[in-house]
Amino acid sequence: MTRKQRRMTIIGGSLAVLALAAALVLNALRDSIVFFSTPTMVAEKHVEPGKRFRLGGLVQPGSLQRGDNLAVTFEVADGGAKLPVAFKGILPDLFREGQGVVAEGALDANGVFKADTVLAKHDETYMPKDVADALKKQGHWKDDYDKASGGAKPSDAKPAATTAQGNPQGAVR
């Protein structure tokens, strides 16, 4: 073999090893690439108890029950299926019934999602794409939040609060 042939063989072999490594990594992360699974996806995949994943959807109105020692149970739905969730800890300030939520944990043997982390949506216009698509399919989606909230525009915003001295709050002197 000449030098050029040897060099090309080494480069070709290196590229093959790199492609194989990338394929193995992507195959291992196949299920973890999705940010969260909806209750419908959990039912379709038949997720086995003990496997950790993220569950996303809307907190069902009327399902929130508070227990002793910060224990909370509620149902998460996506319009097609519901999944009961049990959580022990302090819920985020924005958590409430009818709002979007993403919980991280695992299913137990009884089919209850035992969450160890609960995240609430951060403002009134944010909605994960998968949840929004599921709501649109079910006919529960409102296309225009502005009309529902009275048509408030950014230009209608109130001026910032001021302190007793007349300076805007947060202003540095």
C-alpha atoms as a PDB file:
ATOM      1  CA  MET A   1       0.000   0.000   0.000  1.00  0.00           C
ATOM      2  CA  THR A   2       1.142   3.469  -0.765  1.00  0.00           C
ATOM      3  CA  ARG A   3       1.062   6.291   1.760  1.00  0.00           C
ATOM      4  CA  LYS A   4      -2.005   7.826   0.137  1.00  0.00           C
ATOM      5  CA  GLN A   5      -3.944   4.538   0.246  1.00  0.00           C
ATOM      6  CA  ARG A   6      -2.971   3.952   3.868  1.00  0.00           C
ATOM      7  CA  ARG A   7      -4.064   7.481   4.819  1.00  0.00           C
ATOM      8  CA  MET A   8      -7.420   7.060   3.033  1.00  0.00           C
ATOM      9  CA  THR A   9      -7.984   3.715   4.765  1.00  0.00           C
ATOM     10  CA  ILE A  10      -7.333   5.268   8.189  1.00  0.00           C
ATOM     11  CA  ILE A  11      -9.657   8.227   7.434  1.00  0.00           C
ATOM     12  CA  GLY A  12     -12.388   5.899   6.141  1.00  0.00           C
ATOM     13  CA  GLY A  13     -12.089   3.633   9.195  1.00  0.00           C
ATOM     14  CA  SER A  14     -12.220   6.630  11.549  1.00  0.00           C
ATOM     15  CA  LEU A  15     -15.363   7.938   9.853  1.00  0.00           C
ATOM     16  CA  ALA A  16     -17.008   4.500  10.100  1.00  0.00           C
ATOM     17  CA  VAL A  17     -16.210   4.270  13.839  1.00  0.00           C
ATOM     18  CA  LEU A  18     -17.541   7.827  14.370  1.00  0.00           C
ATOM     19  CA  ALA A  19     -20.764   7.037  12.483  1.00  0.00           C
ATOM     20  CA  LEU A  20     -21.265   3.856  14.522  1.00  0.00           C
ATOM     21  CA  ALA A  21     -20.732   5.753  17.806  1.00  0.00           C
ATOM     22  CA  ALA A  22     -23.213   8.460  16.761  1.00  0.00           C
ATOM     23  CA  ALA A  23     -25.806   5.839  15.810  1.00  0.00           C
ATOM     24  CA  LEU A  24     -25.421   4.067  19.170  1.00  0.00           C
ATOM     25  CA  VAL A  25     -25.785   7.335  21.116  1.00  0.00           C
ATOM     26  CA  LEU A  26     -28.867   8.439  19.156  1.00  0.00           C
ATOM     27  CA  ASN A  27     -30.467   5.006  19.578  1.00  0.00           C
ATOM     28  CA  ALA A  28     -29.869   5.112  23.356  1.00  0.00           C
ATOM     29  CA  LEU A  29     -31.360   8.623  23.620  1.00  0.00           C
ATOM     30  CA  ARG A  30     -34.303   7.925  21.317  1.00  0.00           C
ATOM     31  CA  ASP A  31     -36.951   8.115  24.080  1.00  0.00           C
ATOM     32  CA  SER A  32     -35.196  10.839  26.077  1.00  0.00           C
ATOM     33  CA  ILE A  33     -35.143  13.379  23.260  1.00  0.00           C
ATOM     34  CA  VAL A  34     -38.839  14.216  23.788  1.00  0.00           C
ATOM     35  CA  PHE A  35     -39.194  16.924  26.459  1.00  0.00           C
ATOM     36  CA  PHE A  36     -42.246  15.256  27.978  1.00  0.00           C
ATOM     37  CA  SER A  37     -44.883  12.614  27.285  1.00  0.00           C
ATOM     38  CA  THR A  38     -48.611  13.321  27.426  1.00  0.00           C
ATOM     39  CA  PRO A  39     -51.012  10.945  29.238  1.00  0.00           C
ATOM     40  CA  THR A  40     -52.168   9.639  25.835  1.00  0.00           C
ATOM     41  CA  MET A  41     -48.572   8.861  24.831  1.00  0.00           C
ATOM     42  CA  VAL A  42     -48.003   7.073  28.171  1.00  0.00           C
ATOM     43  CA  ALA A  43     -51.098   4.915  27.584  1.00  0.00           C
ATOM     44  CA  GLU A  44     -50.067   4.124  23.981  1.00  0.00           C
ATOM     45  CA  LYS A  45     -46.468   3.229  24.887  1.00  0.00           C
ATOM     46  CA  HIS A  46     -47.489   1.089  27.893  1.00  0.00           C
ATOM     47  CA  VAL A  47     -44.698   2.565  30.016  1.00  0.00           C
ATOM     48  CA  GLU A  48     -43.541   0.037  32.606  1.00  0.00           C
ATOM     49  CA  PRO A  49     -43.579   0.971  36.322  1.00  0.00           C
ATOM     50  CA  GLY A  50     -40.336   2.430  37.630  1.00  0.00           C
ATOM     51  CA  LYS A  51     -39.170   3.981  34.346  1.00  0.00           C
ATOM     52  CA  ARG A  52     -38.436   7.711  34.783  1.00  0.00           C
ATOM     53  CA  PHE A  53     -39.914  10.197  32.328  1.00  0.00           C
ATOM     54  CA  ARG A  54     -41.514  13.641  32.157  1.00  0.00           C
ATOM     55  CA  LEU A  55     -45.290  13.962  32.064  1.00  0.00           C
ATOM     56  CA  GLY A  56     -46.907  17.060  30.585  1.00  0.00           C
ATOM     57  CA  GLY A  57     -50.464  18.288  30.248  1.00  0.00           C
ATOM     58  CA  LEU A  58     -53.140  20.337  31.982  1.00  0.00           C
ATOM     59  CA  VAL A  59     -54.100  19.953  35.641  1.00  0.00           C
ATOM     60  CA  GLN A  60     -57.715  18.776  35.648  1.00  0.00           C
ATOM     61  CA  PRO A  61     -60.076  21.235  37.382  1.00  0.00           C
ATOM     62  CA  GLY A  62     -61.443  19.776  40.609  1.00  0.00           C
ATOM     63  CA  SER A  63     -58.745  17.105  40.884  1.00  0.00           C
ATOM     64  CA  LEU A  64     -56.324  18.883  43.246  1.00  0.00           C
ATOM     65  CA  GLN A  65     -56.315  17.373  46.754  1.00  0.00           C
ATOM     66  CA  ARG A  66     -53.922  18.438  49.480  1.00  0.00           C
ATOM     67  CA  GLY A  67     -52.917  16.001  52.217  1.00  0.00           C
ATOM     68  CA  ASP A  68     -50.679  15.969  55.263  1.00  0.00           C
ATOM     69  CA  ASN A  69     -46.981  16.899  55.166  1.00  0.00           C
ATOM     70  CA  LEU A  70     -47.158  18.715  51.780  1.00  0.00           C
ATOM     71  CA  ALA A  71     -48.609  15.655  49.992  1.00  0.00           C
ATOM     72  CA  VAL A  72     -50.621  16.609  46.910  1.00  0.00           C
ATOM     73  CA  THR A  73     -52.550  14.553  44.359  1.00  0.00           C
ATOM     74  CA  PHE A  74     -54.021  15.786  41.080  1.00  0.00           C
ATOM     75  CA  GLU A  75     -54.787  14.556  37.573  1.00  0.00           C
ATOM     76  CA  VAL A  76     -52.946  15.594  34.428  1.00  0.00           C
ATOM     77  CA  ALA A  77     -54.886  15.382  31.160  1.00  0.00           C
ATOM     78  CA  ASP A  78     -54.248  16.170  27.521  1.00  0.00           C
ATOM     79  CA  GLY A  79     -57.835  16.035  26.268  1.00  0.00           C
ATOM     80  CA  GLY A  80     -57.676  12.329  25.452  1.00  0.00           C
ATOM     81  CA  ALA A  81     -56.457  10.635  28.615  1.00  0.00           C
ATOM     82  CA  LYS A  82     -55.923  11.393  32.304  1.00  0.00           C
ATOM     83  CA  LEU A  83     -53.152  10.242  34.600  1.00  0.00           C
ATOM     84  CA  PRO A  84     -53.210  10.599  38.411  1.00  0.00           C
ATOM     85  CA  VAL A  85     -50.139  12.280  39.903  1.00  0.00           C
ATOM     86  CA  ALA A  86     -48.882  12.148  43.493  1.00  0.00           C
ATOM     87  CA  PHE A  87     -46.312  14.689  44.684  1.00  0.00           C
ATOM     88  CA  LYS A  88     -44.831  15.475  48.065  1.00  0.00           C
ATOM     89  CA  GLY A  89     -43.266  18.896  48.368  1.00  0.00           C
ATOM     90  CA  ILE A  90     -43.844  22.562  47.686  1.00  0.00           C
ATOM     91  CA  LEU A  91     -45.657  23.283  44.434  1.00  0.00           C
ATOM     92  CA  PRO A  92     -44.557  26.209  42.227  1.00  0.00           C
ATOM     93  CA  ASP A  93     -46.359  29.530  42.784  1.00  0.00           C
ATOM     94  CA  LEU A  94     -47.928  29.387  39.310  1.00  0.00           C
ATOM     95  CA  PHE A  95     -49.369  25.897  39.838  1.00  0.00           C
ATOM     96  CA  ARG A  96     -53.190  25.785  39.740  1.00  0.00           C
ATOM     97  CA  GLU A  97     -56.019  23.777  38.236  1.00  0.00           C
ATOM     98  CA  GLY A  98     -56.578  24.226  34.516  1.00  0.00           C
ATOM     99  CA  GLN A  99     -52.969  25.278  33.880  1.00  0.00           C
ATOM    100  CA  GLY A 100     -50.129  23.525  32.075  1.00  0.00           C
ATOM    101  CA  VAL A 101     -47.678  21.463  34.086  1.00  0.00           C
ATOM    102  CA  VAL A 102     -44.657  19.234  33.505  1.00  0.00           C
ATOM    103  CA  ALA A 103     -43.888  16.656  36.217  1.00  0.00           C
ATOM    104  CA  GLU A 104     -40.810  14.455  36.428  1.00  0.00           C
ATOM    105  CA  GLY A 105     -40.910  11.034  38.052  1.00  0.00           C
ATOM    106  CA  ALA A 106     -42.070   7.445  37.430  1.00  0.00           C
ATOM    107  CA  LEU A 107     -45.206   5.322  37.398  1.00  0.00           C
ATOM    108  CA  ASP A 108     -45.841   3.018  40.342  1.00  0.00           C
ATOM    109  CA  ALA A 109     -47.425  -0.445  40.165  1.00  0.00           C
ATOM    110  CA  ASN A 110     -50.932   1.055  40.590  1.00  0.00           C
ATOM    111  CA  GLY A 111     -50.580   3.360  37.564  1.00  0.00           C
ATOM    112  CA  VAL A 112     -50.093   6.522  39.648  1.00  0.00           C
ATOM    113  CA  PHE A 113     -47.333   8.877  38.478  1.00  0.00           C
ATOM    114  CA  LYS A 114     -45.077   9.553  41.497  1.00  0.00           C
ATOM    115  CA  ALA A 115     -43.539  12.952  40.770  1.00  0.00           C
ATOM    116  CA  ASP A 116     -40.423  14.258  42.458  1.00  0.00           C
ATOM    117  CA  THR A 117     -40.384  17.539  40.496  1.00  0.00           C
ATOM    118  CA  VAL A 118     -43.314  19.665  39.297  1.00  0.00           C
ATOM    119  CA  LEU A 119     -42.888  22.620  36.937  1.00  0.00           C
ATOM    120  CA  ALA A 120     -45.703  25.070  36.128  1.00  0.00           C
ATOM    121  CA  LYS A 121     -46.012  27.132  32.979  1.00  0.00           C
ATOM    122  CA  HIS A 122     -44.401  30.542  33.312  1.00  0.00           C
ATOM    123  CA  ASP A 123     -46.930  32.975  31.816  1.00  0.00           C
ATOM    124  CA  GLU A 124     -50.392  33.156  30.337  1.00  0.00           C
ATOM    125  CA  THR A 125     -49.316  32.757  26.700  1.00  0.00           C
ATOM    126  CA  TYR A 126     -46.781  29.919  26.935  1.00  0.00           C
ATOM    127  CA  MET A 127     -47.988  26.419  26.060  1.00  0.00           C
ATOM    128  CA  PRO A 128     -45.819  23.472  24.998  1.00  0.00           C
ATOM    129  CA  LYS A 129     -46.437  22.654  21.324  1.00  0.00           C
ATOM    130  CA  ASP A 130     -47.544  19.070  22.006  1.00  0.00           C
ATOM    131  CA  VAL A 131     -50.118  20.190  24.584  1.00  0.00           C
ATOM    132  CA  ALA A 132     -51.374  22.972  22.290  1.00  0.00           C
ATOM    133  CA  ASP A 133     -51.733  20.515  19.388  1.00  0.00           C
ATOM    134  CA  ALA A 134     -53.624  18.032  21.590  1.00  0.00           C
ATOM    135  CA  LEU A 135     -55.964  20.806  22.781  1.00  0.00           C
ATOM    136  CA  LYS A 136     -56.574  21.953  19.207  1.00  0.00           C
ATOM    137  CA  LYS A 137     -57.525  18.400  18.194  1.00  0.00           C
ATOM    138  CA  GLN A 138     -59.968  18.191  21.112  1.00  0.00           C
ATOM    139  CA  GLY A 139     -61.499  21.605  20.324  1.00  0.00           C
ATOM    140  CA  HIS A 140     -60.446  23.164  23.663  1.00  0.00           C
ATOM    141  CA  TRP A 141     -57.981  25.645  22.183  1.00  0.00           C
ATOM    142  CA  LYS A 142     -58.597  29.405  22.166  1.00  0.00           C
ATOM    143  CA  ASP A 143     -56.870  30.925  19.145  1.00  0.00           C
ATOM    144  CA  ASP A 144     -56.603  34.448  20.508  1.00  0.00           C
ATOM    145  CA  TYR A 145     -55.761  35.056  24.149  1.00  0.00           C
ATOM    146  CA  ASP A 146     -55.987  38.826  23.626  1.00  0.00           C
ATOM    147  CA  LYS A 147     -59.693  38.671  22.789  1.00  0.00           C
ATOM    148  CA  ALA A 148     -60.396  36.430  25.765  1.00  0.00           C
ATOM    149  CA  SER A 149     -58.545  38.761  28.131  1.00  0.00           C
ATOM    150  CA  GLY A 150     -60.304  41.906  26.940  1.00  0.00           C
ATOM    151  CA  GLY A 151     -57.981  42.823  24.093  1.00  0.00           C
ATOM    152  CA  ALA A 152     -55.197  44.300  26.203  1.00  0.00           C
ATOM    153  CA  LYS A 153     -52.291  45.512  24.107  1.00  0.00           C
ATOM    154  CA  PRO A 154     -48.728  46.191  25.195  1.00  0.00           C
ATOM    155  CA  SER A 155     -49.417  49.914  24.723  1.00  0.00           C
ATOM    156  CA  ASP A 156     -52.268  49.651  27.291  1.00  0.00           C
ATOM    157  CA  ALA A 157     -49.855  48.567  30.021  1.00  0.00           C
ATOM    158  CA  LYS A 158     -49.919  50.495  33.283  1.00  0.00           C
ATOM    159  CA  PRO A 159     -46.852  52.533  34.198  1.00  0.00           C
ATOM    160  CA  ALA A 160     -44.390  50.976  36.610  1.00  0.00           C
ATOM    161  CA  ALA A 161     -45.103  51.313  40.322  1.00  0.00           C
ATOM    162  CA  THR A 162     -43.262  54.044  42.140  1.00  0.00           C
ATOM    163  CA  THR A 163     -41.918  54.355  45.651  1.00  0.00           C
ATOM    164  CA  ALA A 164     -43.051  56.945  48.180  1.00  0.00           C
ATOM    165  CA  GLN A 165     -40.232  59.246  46.981  1.00  0.00           C
ATOM    166  CA  GLY A 166     -41.568  59.147  43.398  1.00  0.00           C
ATOM    167  CA  ASN A 167     -38.769  56.983  42.038  1.00  0.00           C
ATOM    168  CA  PRO A 168     -39.637  53.902  39.978  1.00  0.00           C
ATOM    169  CA  GLN A 169     -39.304  50.698  41.981  1.00  0.00           C
ATOM    170  CA  GLY A 170     -36.017  49.003  41.316  1.00  0.00           C
ATOM    171  CA  ALA A 171     -34.350  52.253  40.224  1.00  0.00           C
ATOM    172  CA  VAL A 172     -30.787  52.638  41.389  1.00  0.00           C
ATOM    173  CA  ARG A 173     -29.671  56.038  42.621  1.00  0.00           C
END
